Every structure is written in structure tokens, then in C-alpha cells.
Amino acid sequence: MKFPDRTTLFKRGFDALLIIAVVYALLLATGIIRRGGRFEEGRPAPNFKVQSLPDGQSLGLSDFAGKTLVVTFFSTTCPSCKRELPELDAMKDEVGDDVEFLIITNDNPQRVLTYMESHDLDFHVAWDDGSAHDAFAVDTIPYNVVINPEGAIRADVIGGLRISDIL
């Protein structure tokens, strides 16, 4: 019995990966699988405390009661995060005043403020000592959590937040 050469094996492996990627994309697009899934929809959001930048005031879930809150965990060293923030900024105009956006980071506060200013981004920005990251089980960024006005999880999404996730 003759074994296939390396080129043939490589082509078969590549074809298999391509098929898997297409199936995964279709499952995501149809909503059969979720893009986040750490939290069950309708579950109460974890309470958290972060420090507002630049003033250092304490911010928590209760400060946004009665409004939909989009929490985005972000880093200035994350290329995907940098691509996502302008998209969120554009969404902010579309969803109106009943939705608040909070960017949470554990980066150097001055670096984050400089980044936001240099890219003309206007969000509530807060520094986290790690407790909010822990409360939301953040292990991948950008990570978005949409919290309804009653304080329950509406959606959690790893990158690529859509307006339909918010409204």
C-alpha cells in the first residue's frame, strides 16, 4: 500500500480546514451557534466597579440603571479592539440616547486616554483592576456584553458586535 506524498496530505488538510471554516461561518450567520455564550440571555449581569477615566470616580452597573449598557473590554495593544471601536462609535449614533457604551480596560490609563483622543472616540472609559474582567470571565478581547435596562444580559459577543445584538 502506497502512502500519499506530503503535498497531497497538505492539500487534503487545507480542504478540510476550509470546509470547517465555511460550515462554522454559516452556523454563525444563521444564529445556530452564538459568538459569545459565556452568559445565558436573561441572567442578571454581574455587578462590577471600575474607575472612570480621567477622573477616577467609581462606576458600576447601577450607574447605568434604566438604560441599555454595552460593555466592551478593550486594550490599546489589541488590533481587533482597535478595529471595533470606530464601529461602536458609529453604532452609538444609530442606537440613540437610551444606550450607553462603556469601554473597560486594564491598560495604562494615560495611554488609553491618549488613544481615545487621537482617534476622536467619545465613550465612557474606565480602568479595571481586574475585578470586572473576572466578574465577566473575560479571556478574549474585544469582548462585548449587552445589558438591558433591567440589568439582565441581552447578549455577549466576542468581537463583531452588531446593532441587532443591542436592540
Foldseek 3Di string as FASTA:
>chain_A
DDDDDPVVVVVVVVVVVVVVVVVVVVCPVVVVDDQFPPDDFFAFQFWDWWAWPPPGDIDIPVVLAQAKEKEWEDDPVDPLRVVCQVVVQVVDVVVDDRYAYEYEYQPDRVVVVVVCVVVVGDHGYTYDPCPSCVSSVDDAPRKIWIAHNNRTTQGIHHGDDDVVSHD
